[in-house]
Amino acid sequence: MIWLIRLYLLFMGVTYLLIGIWATLDPILLANASAIPSFQEAVGLKVSSDIGYSEIAGIYGGLNLGIGMMCLIGIFKENIGLFGIKFITLLTGSIAFGRVISSYLPGMPTFYNSFFIFEVCAVIIGISFLMTLNKPKSNY
């Protein structure tokens, strides 16, 4: 089981780290007309002022970089790994819940998209790991 948890942390670490790098470098990628798709376009955002670039880099870039590093460190440090699984499960569950709630507001689109699927899968896997890790050890 420990290797499945480490594999999960590796996957989530690399995923969040890459998203963080992508979001942080997005203004440079946009300015240079890079072949890499724009982060803002991928998530449906548009920056309308200079502070917006800072918000993209800070919130999407910094937060995702931090989560990615936490997961990668958690591969080697058990207490950080356990906290990382709890944090990601809470975070992705909260985001998915927000999508569902907002879909009931007038004029809002459905919650069902690829991001939602990723979030629900992360919650299910995270809860499964946490339940398994929380089971009392048996002598059998």
N, C-alpha and C. Protein backbone atom coordinates (compact mmCIF):
# COMPACT_ATOMS: atom_id res chain seq x y z
N MET A 1 0.82 -1.20 0.00
CA MET A 1 0.00 0.00 0.00
C MET A 1 0.86 1.26 0.00
N ILE A 2 1.98 1.20 0.70
CA ILE A 2 2.84 2.39 0.79
C ILE A 2 3.32 2.85 -0.58
N TRP A 3 3.54 1.89 -1.49
CA TRP A 3 4.01 2.27 -2.84
C TRP A 3 2.89 2.89 -3.66
N LEU A 4 1.65 2.47 -3.44
CA LEU A 4 0.52 3.11 -4.11
C LEU A 4 0.38 4.56 -3.64
N ILE A 5 0.55 4.77 -2.35
CA ILE A 5 0.47 6.12 -1.80
C ILE A 5 1.59 6.98 -2.36
N ARG A 6 2.79 6.43 -2.41
CA ARG A 6 3.92 7.20 -2.97
C ARG A 6 3.71 7.50 -4.44
N LEU A 7 3.16 6.55 -5.17
CA LEU A 7 2.87 6.77 -6.59
C LEU A 7 1.82 7.87 -6.76
N TYR A 8 0.79 7.85 -5.91
CA TYR A 8 -0.24 8.89 -5.93
C TYR A 8 0.38 10.25 -5.63
N LEU A 9 1.23 10.32 -4.59
CA LEU A 9 1.87 11.57 -4.25
C LEU A 9 2.79 12.05 -5.38
N LEU A 10 3.47 11.13 -6.03
CA LEU A 10 4.32 11.50 -7.17
C LEU A 10 3.47 12.08 -8.30
N PHE A 11 2.39 11.39 -8.63
CA PHE A 11 1.50 11.87 -9.70
C PHE A 11 0.95 13.25 -9.37
N MET A 12 0.42 13.41 -8.16
CA MET A 12 -0.16 14.69 -7.76
C MET A 12 0.92 15.76 -7.67
N GLY A 13 2.09 15.40 -7.17
CA GLY A 13 3.18 16.36 -7.07
C GLY A 13 3.61 16.89 -8.42
N VAL A 14 3.82 16.00 -9.36
CA VAL A 14 4.23 16.42 -10.71
C VAL A 14 3.11 17.22 -11.37
N THR A 15 1.87 16.76 -11.22
CA THR A 15 0.73 17.46 -11.83
C THR A 15 0.62 18.89 -11.31
N TYR A 16 0.61 19.04 -9.99
CA TYR A 16 0.46 20.37 -9.41
C TYR A 16 1.68 21.25 -9.66
N LEU A 17 2.87 20.66 -9.63
CA LEU A 17 4.08 21.42 -9.91
C LEU A 17 4.05 21.97 -11.34
N LEU A 18 3.67 21.14 -12.30
CA LEU A 18 3.60 21.59 -13.69
C LEU A 18 2.53 22.67 -13.89
N ILE A 19 1.39 22.50 -13.24
CA ILE A 19 0.34 23.53 -13.33
C ILE A 19 0.86 24.84 -12.74
N GLY A 20 1.57 24.77 -11.63
CA GLY A 20 2.13 25.97 -11.00
C GLY A 20 3.14 26.67 -11.88
N ILE A 21 4.02 25.90 -12.50
CA ILE A 21 5.01 26.49 -13.41
C ILE A 21 4.30 27.12 -14.60
N TRP A 22 3.34 26.41 -15.16
CA TRP A 22 2.58 26.89 -16.32
C TRP A 22 1.88 28.21 -15.99
N ALA A 23 1.20 28.27 -14.85
CA ALA A 23 0.47 29.49 -14.47
C ALA A 23 1.43 30.64 -14.19
N THR A 24 2.56 30.36 -13.57
CA THR A 24 3.53 31.40 -13.25
C THR A 24 4.16 31.98 -14.50
N LEU A 25 4.47 31.14 -15.47
CA LEU A 25 5.12 31.59 -16.70
C LEU A 25 4.15 32.04 -17.78
N ASP A 26 2.86 31.96 -17.52
CA ASP A 26 1.87 32.27 -18.55
C ASP A 26 2.03 33.65 -19.20
N PRO A 27 2.28 34.72 -18.44
CA PRO A 27 2.45 36.02 -19.11
C PRO A 27 3.62 36.02 -20.11
N ILE A 28 4.68 35.32 -19.79
CA ILE A 28 5.83 35.23 -20.70
C ILE A 28 5.45 34.41 -21.93
N LEU A 29 4.74 33.32 -21.71
CA LEU A 29 4.31 32.48 -22.83
C LEU A 29 3.37 33.24 -23.76
N LEU A 30 2.48 34.05 -23.18
CA LEU A 30 1.56 34.85 -23.99
C LEU A 30 2.32 35.91 -24.79
N ALA A 31 3.29 36.57 -24.15
CA ALA A 31 4.04 37.64 -24.81
C ALA A 31 4.89 37.12 -25.96
N ASN A 32 5.38 35.90 -25.83
CA ASN A 32 6.25 35.33 -26.86
C ASN A 32 5.51 34.47 -27.87
N ALA A 33 4.20 34.46 -27.81
CA ALA A 33 3.38 33.65 -28.72
C ALA A 33 3.91 32.22 -28.79
N SER A 34 4.08 31.63 -27.63
CA SER A 34 4.61 30.28 -27.50
C SER A 34 3.66 29.24 -28.09
N ALA A 35 4.24 28.10 -28.44
CA ALA A 35 3.43 26.98 -28.93
C ALA A 35 2.66 26.33 -27.79
N ILE A 36 3.07 26.59 -26.56
CA ILE A 36 2.37 26.06 -25.39
C ILE A 36 1.08 26.84 -25.21
N PRO A 37 -0.05 26.16 -25.05
CA PRO A 37 -1.32 26.88 -24.89
C PRO A 37 -1.32 27.76 -23.64
N SER A 38 -2.05 28.83 -23.68
CA SER A 38 -2.13 29.75 -22.56
C SER A 38 -2.89 29.11 -21.39
N PHE A 39 -2.35 29.29 -20.19
CA PHE A 39 -3.03 28.82 -18.99
C PHE A 39 -4.38 29.50 -18.85
N GLN A 40 -4.39 30.81 -19.09
CA GLN A 40 -5.63 31.57 -18.94
C GLN A 40 -6.72 31.07 -19.88
N GLU A 41 -6.35 30.78 -21.10
CA GLU A 41 -7.33 30.26 -22.06
C GLU A 41 -7.80 28.86 -21.66
N ALA A 42 -6.87 28.05 -21.17
CA ALA A 42 -7.22 26.67 -20.79
C ALA A 42 -8.24 26.62 -19.67
N VAL A 43 -8.14 27.58 -18.73
CA VAL A 43 -9.07 27.58 -17.60
C VAL A 43 -10.18 28.61 -17.76
N GLY A 44 -10.20 29.32 -18.88
CA GLY A 44 -11.28 30.24 -19.17
C GLY A 44 -11.20 31.58 -18.45
N LEU A 45 -9.98 32.06 -18.21
CA LEU A 45 -9.81 33.35 -17.55
C LEU A 45 -9.26 34.38 -18.54
N LYS A 46 -9.46 35.65 -18.21
CA LYS A 46 -8.89 36.73 -19.01
C LYS A 46 -8.43 37.82 -18.05
N VAL A 47 -7.18 38.20 -18.16
CA VAL A 47 -6.63 39.25 -17.30
C VAL A 47 -6.97 40.60 -17.91
N SER A 48 -7.52 41.50 -17.09
CA SER A 48 -7.92 42.82 -17.60
C SER A 48 -7.09 43.95 -17.00
N SER A 49 -6.17 43.63 -16.07
CA SER A 49 -5.29 44.65 -15.50
C SER A 49 -3.99 44.00 -15.07
N ASP A 50 -2.99 44.82 -14.76
CA ASP A 50 -1.68 44.30 -14.38
C ASP A 50 -1.75 43.43 -13.12
N ILE A 51 -2.59 43.80 -12.18
CA ILE A 51 -2.71 43.01 -10.95
C ILE A 51 -3.20 41.59 -11.25
N GLY A 52 -3.94 41.45 -12.35
CA GLY A 52 -4.44 40.14 -12.73
C GLY A 52 -3.33 39.14 -12.99
N TYR A 53 -2.22 39.61 -13.60
CA TYR A 53 -1.09 38.71 -13.84
C TYR A 53 -0.48 38.25 -12.52
N SER A 54 -0.42 39.17 -11.56
CA SER A 54 0.10 38.82 -10.24
C SER A 54 -0.82 37.82 -9.55
N GLU A 55 -2.12 37.99 -9.72
CA GLU A 55 -3.08 37.06 -9.12
C GLU A 55 -2.96 35.67 -9.74
N ILE A 56 -2.82 35.59 -11.06
CA ILE A 56 -2.65 34.30 -11.73
C ILE A 56 -1.38 33.63 -11.20
N ALA A 57 -0.28 34.39 -11.17
CA ALA A 57 1.00 33.83 -10.70
C ALA A 57 0.93 33.46 -9.23
N GLY A 58 0.30 34.29 -8.43
CA GLY A 58 0.26 34.04 -6.99
C GLY A 58 -0.69 32.94 -6.60
N ILE A 59 -1.93 33.05 -7.05
CA ILE A 59 -2.94 32.09 -6.62
C ILE A 59 -2.79 30.77 -7.37
N TYR A 60 -2.81 30.83 -8.69
CA TYR A 60 -2.71 29.58 -9.46
C TYR A 60 -1.28 29.06 -9.48
N GLY A 61 -0.32 29.96 -9.67
CA GLY A 61 1.07 29.53 -9.75
C GLY A 61 1.63 29.12 -8.40
N GLY A 62 1.62 30.04 -7.47
CA GLY A 62 2.22 29.79 -6.16
C GLY A 62 1.55 28.68 -5.38
N LEU A 63 0.24 28.68 -5.36
CA LEU A 63 -0.49 27.65 -4.62
C LEU A 63 -0.21 26.26 -5.20
N ASN A 64 -0.26 26.15 -6.52
CA ASN A 64 0.00 24.85 -7.15
C ASN A 64 1.45 24.41 -7.00
N LEU A 65 2.39 25.36 -7.07
CA LEU A 65 3.79 25.02 -6.83
C LEU A 65 3.97 24.48 -5.41
N GLY A 66 3.36 25.15 -4.45
CA GLY A 66 3.45 24.71 -3.05
C GLY A 66 2.85 23.33 -2.83
N ILE A 67 1.69 23.08 -3.41
CA ILE A 67 1.04 21.77 -3.27
C ILE A 67 1.90 20.70 -3.93
N GLY A 68 2.43 21.01 -5.10
CA GLY A 68 3.30 20.04 -5.80
C GLY A 68 4.53 19.69 -4.98
N MET A 69 5.19 20.71 -4.41
CA MET A 69 6.37 20.45 -3.58
C MET A 69 6.01 19.66 -2.33
N MET A 70 4.87 19.98 -1.72
CA MET A 70 4.43 19.24 -0.54
C MET A 70 4.25 17.76 -0.86
N CYS A 71 3.63 17.46 -1.99
CA CYS A 71 3.41 16.07 -2.38
C CYS A 71 4.73 15.36 -2.64
N LEU A 72 5.65 16.03 -3.31
CA LEU A 72 6.94 15.40 -3.61
C LEU A 72 7.74 15.17 -2.33
N ILE A 73 7.72 16.11 -1.41
CA ILE A 73 8.40 15.91 -0.12
C ILE A 73 7.71 14.79 0.65
N GLY A 74 6.38 14.72 0.54
CA GLY A 74 5.61 13.69 1.23
C GLY A 74 5.94 12.27 0.81
N ILE A 75 6.55 12.10 -0.35
CA ILE A 75 6.98 10.76 -0.77
C ILE A 75 8.02 10.23 0.20
N PHE A 76 8.83 11.12 0.75
CA PHE A 76 9.95 10.72 1.61
C PHE A 76 9.70 10.98 3.09
N LYS A 77 8.75 11.85 3.41
CA LYS A 77 8.44 12.18 4.82
C LYS A 77 6.99 11.80 5.08
N GLU A 78 6.79 10.75 5.86
CA GLU A 78 5.45 10.16 6.05
C GLU A 78 4.43 11.16 6.58
N ASN A 79 4.82 11.98 7.58
CA ASN A 79 3.84 12.92 8.16
C ASN A 79 3.42 13.98 7.14
N ILE A 80 4.33 14.42 6.30
CA ILE A 80 3.99 15.39 5.27
C ILE A 80 3.14 14.73 4.18
N GLY A 81 3.46 13.49 3.85
CA GLY A 81 2.66 12.75 2.87
C GLY A 81 1.22 12.58 3.33
N LEU A 82 1.04 12.21 4.60
CA LEU A 82 -0.31 12.04 5.15
C LEU A 82 -1.06 13.37 5.15
N PHE A 83 -0.38 14.43 5.58
CA PHE A 83 -1.01 15.75 5.54
C PHE A 83 -1.36 16.14 4.11
N GLY A 84 -0.47 15.84 3.17
CA GLY A 84 -0.70 16.16 1.77
C GLY A 84 -1.93 15.47 1.22
N ILE A 85 -2.11 14.21 1.56
CA ILE A 85 -3.30 13.49 1.10
C ILE A 85 -4.57 14.11 1.70
N LYS A 86 -4.52 14.44 2.98
CA LYS A 86 -5.67 15.09 3.62
C LYS A 86 -5.96 16.44 2.96
N PHE A 87 -4.91 17.21 2.72
CA PHE A 87 -5.08 18.55 2.15
C PHE A 87 -5.64 18.47 0.74
N ILE A 88 -5.07 17.62 -0.10
CA ILE A 88 -5.53 17.50 -1.48
C ILE A 88 -6.97 16.98 -1.53
N THR A 89 -7.30 16.06 -0.65
CA THR A 89 -8.66 15.53 -0.61
C THR A 89 -9.65 16.64 -0.23
N LEU A 90 -9.31 17.42 0.78
CA LEU A 90 -10.16 18.54 1.17
C LEU A 90 -10.23 19.59 0.06
N LEU A 91 -9.10 19.94 -0.52
CA LEU A 91 -9.05 20.97 -1.55
C LEU A 91 -9.85 20.58 -2.79
N THR A 92 -9.58 19.40 -3.32
CA THR A 92 -10.28 18.99 -4.55
C THR A 92 -11.77 18.74 -4.28
N GLY A 93 -12.08 18.24 -3.10
CA GLY A 93 -13.49 18.06 -2.75
C GLY A 93 -14.21 19.39 -2.65
N SER A 94 -13.56 20.38 -2.07
CA SER A 94 -14.16 21.71 -1.94
C SER A 94 -14.36 22.36 -3.31
N ILE A 95 -13.38 22.21 -4.18
CA ILE A 95 -13.50 22.79 -5.53
C ILE A 95 -14.65 22.11 -6.28
N ALA A 96 -14.71 20.78 -6.21
CA ALA A 96 -15.79 20.05 -6.89
C ALA A 96 -17.16 20.46 -6.32
N PHE A 97 -17.23 20.60 -5.01
CA PHE A 97 -18.48 21.01 -4.37
C PHE A 97 -18.89 22.41 -4.84
N GLY A 98 -17.93 23.31 -4.94
CA GLY A 98 -18.20 24.66 -5.44
C GLY A 98 -18.72 24.64 -6.87
N ARG A 99 -18.17 23.75 -7.69
CA ARG A 99 -18.65 23.63 -9.07
C ARG A 99 -20.11 23.18 -9.10
N VAL A 100 -20.44 22.19 -8.27
CA VAL A 100 -21.82 21.68 -8.23
C VAL A 100 -22.77 22.77 -7.75
N ILE A 101 -22.43 23.43 -6.67
CA ILE A 101 -23.29 24.49 -6.12
C ILE A 101 -23.50 25.61 -7.14
N SER A 102 -22.39 26.05 -7.78
CA SER A 102 -22.53 27.17 -8.74
C SER A 102 -23.35 26.78 -9.96
N SER A 103 -23.38 25.49 -10.29
CA SER A 103 -24.15 25.07 -11.48
C SER A 103 -25.65 25.26 -11.27
N TYR A 104 -26.10 25.41 -10.03
CA TYR A 104 -27.52 25.62 -9.75
C TYR A 104 -27.91 27.10 -9.83
N LEU A 105 -26.93 27.98 -9.95
CA LEU A 105 -27.23 29.41 -10.07
C LEU A 105 -27.72 29.71 -11.49
N PRO A 106 -28.60 30.66 -11.63
CA PRO A 106 -29.13 30.99 -12.97
C PRO A 106 -28.01 31.39 -13.94
N GLY A 107 -28.07 30.82 -15.14
CA GLY A 107 -27.13 31.18 -16.19
C GLY A 107 -25.76 30.53 -16.10
N MET A 108 -25.55 29.70 -15.10
CA MET A 108 -24.24 29.05 -14.93
C MET A 108 -24.20 27.73 -15.70
N PRO A 109 -23.02 27.38 -16.21
CA PRO A 109 -22.91 26.12 -16.95
C PRO A 109 -22.92 24.92 -16.00
N THR A 110 -22.97 23.75 -16.58
CA THR A 110 -22.94 22.52 -15.80
C THR A 110 -21.60 22.38 -15.09
N PHE A 111 -21.58 21.62 -14.04
CA PHE A 111 -20.35 21.38 -13.29
C PHE A 111 -19.50 20.30 -13.94
N TYR A 112 -20.10 19.52 -14.82
CA TYR A 112 -19.44 18.34 -15.35
C TYR A 112 -18.44 18.71 -16.45
N ASN A 113 -17.15 18.59 -16.14
CA ASN A 113 -16.08 18.82 -17.11
C ASN A 113 -14.86 18.00 -16.68
N SER A 114 -13.79 18.07 -17.43
CA SER A 114 -12.62 17.24 -17.13
C SER A 114 -11.98 17.62 -15.79
N PHE A 115 -12.04 18.89 -15.41
CA PHE A 115 -11.50 19.29 -14.12
C PHE A 115 -12.29 18.64 -12.99
N PHE A 116 -13.62 18.63 -13.13
CA PHE A 116 -14.49 18.02 -12.12
C PHE A 116 -14.19 16.53 -11.98
N ILE A 117 -13.99 15.85 -13.08
CA ILE A 117 -13.68 14.41 -13.04
C ILE A 117 -12.38 14.18 -12.29
N PHE A 118 -11.36 14.99 -12.58
CA PHE A 118 -10.07 14.89 -11.88
C PHE A 118 -10.28 15.09 -10.38
N GLU A 119 -11.05 16.11 -10.02
CA GLU A 119 -11.27 16.42 -8.61
C GLU A 119 -12.00 15.29 -7.88
N VAL A 120 -13.03 14.75 -8.51
CA VAL A 120 -13.78 13.66 -7.88
C VAL A 120 -12.89 12.42 -7.73
N CYS A 121 -12.10 12.12 -8.74
CA CYS A 121 -11.17 10.97 -8.65
C CYS A 121 -10.17 11.18 -7.51
N ALA A 122 -9.64 12.41 -7.39
CA ALA A 122 -8.70 12.71 -6.31
C ALA A 122 -9.35 12.53 -4.94
N VAL A 123 -10.60 12.94 -4.82
CA VAL A 123 -11.32 12.78 -3.55
C VAL A 123 -11.53 11.30 -3.23
N ILE A 124 -11.97 10.54 -4.20
CA ILE A 124 -12.23 9.11 -3.97
C ILE A 124 -10.94 8.38 -3.60
N ILE A 125 -9.87 8.65 -4.33
CA ILE A 125 -8.59 8.00 -4.03
C ILE A 125 -8.08 8.45 -2.66
N GLY A 126 -8.17 9.76 -2.39
CA GLY A 126 -7.70 10.27 -1.10
C GLY A 126 -8.46 9.67 0.07
N ILE A 127 -9.77 9.62 -0.03
CA ILE A 127 -10.58 9.03 1.05
C ILE A 127 -10.25 7.55 1.21
N SER A 128 -10.05 6.85 0.10
CA SER A 128 -9.70 5.43 0.16
C SER A 128 -8.38 5.22 0.90
N PHE A 129 -7.39 6.04 0.58
CA PHE A 129 -6.09 5.93 1.28
C PHE A 129 -6.25 6.26 2.76
N LEU A 130 -6.98 7.31 3.06
CA LEU A 130 -7.13 7.72 4.46
C LEU A 130 -7.90 6.67 5.27
N MET A 131 -8.91 6.06 4.68
CA MET A 131 -9.65 5.00 5.38
C MET A 131 -8.77 3.79 5.61
N THR A 132 -7.97 3.44 4.61
CA THR A 132 -7.06 2.28 4.73
C THR A 132 -6.01 2.54 5.80
N LEU A 133 -5.45 3.74 5.79
CA LEU A 133 -4.41 4.08 6.77
C LEU A 133 -4.97 4.20 8.18
N ASN A 134 -6.26 4.46 8.31
CA ASN A 134 -6.88 4.66 9.62
C ASN A 134 -7.41 3.37 10.24
N LYS A 135 -7.39 2.27 9.48
CA LYS A 135 -7.88 1.00 10.01
C LYS A 135 -6.95 0.52 11.11
N PRO A 136 -7.54 0.03 12.21
CA PRO A 136 -6.69 -0.52 13.27
C PRO A 136 -5.97 -1.78 12.78
N LYS A 137 -4.77 -1.94 13.22
CA LYS A 137 -3.98 -3.11 12.85
C LYS A 137 -4.54 -4.35 13.56
N SER A 138 -4.62 -5.43 12.84
CA SER A 138 -5.16 -6.69 13.39
C SER A 138 -4.03 -7.68 13.59
N ASN A 139 -4.20 -8.61 14.51
CA ASN A 139 -3.20 -9.66 14.74
C ASN A 139 -3.37 -10.82 13.80
N TYR A 140 -4.41 -10.80 12.97
CA TYR A 140 -4.69 -11.92 12.08
C TYR A 140 -3.94 -11.80 10.79
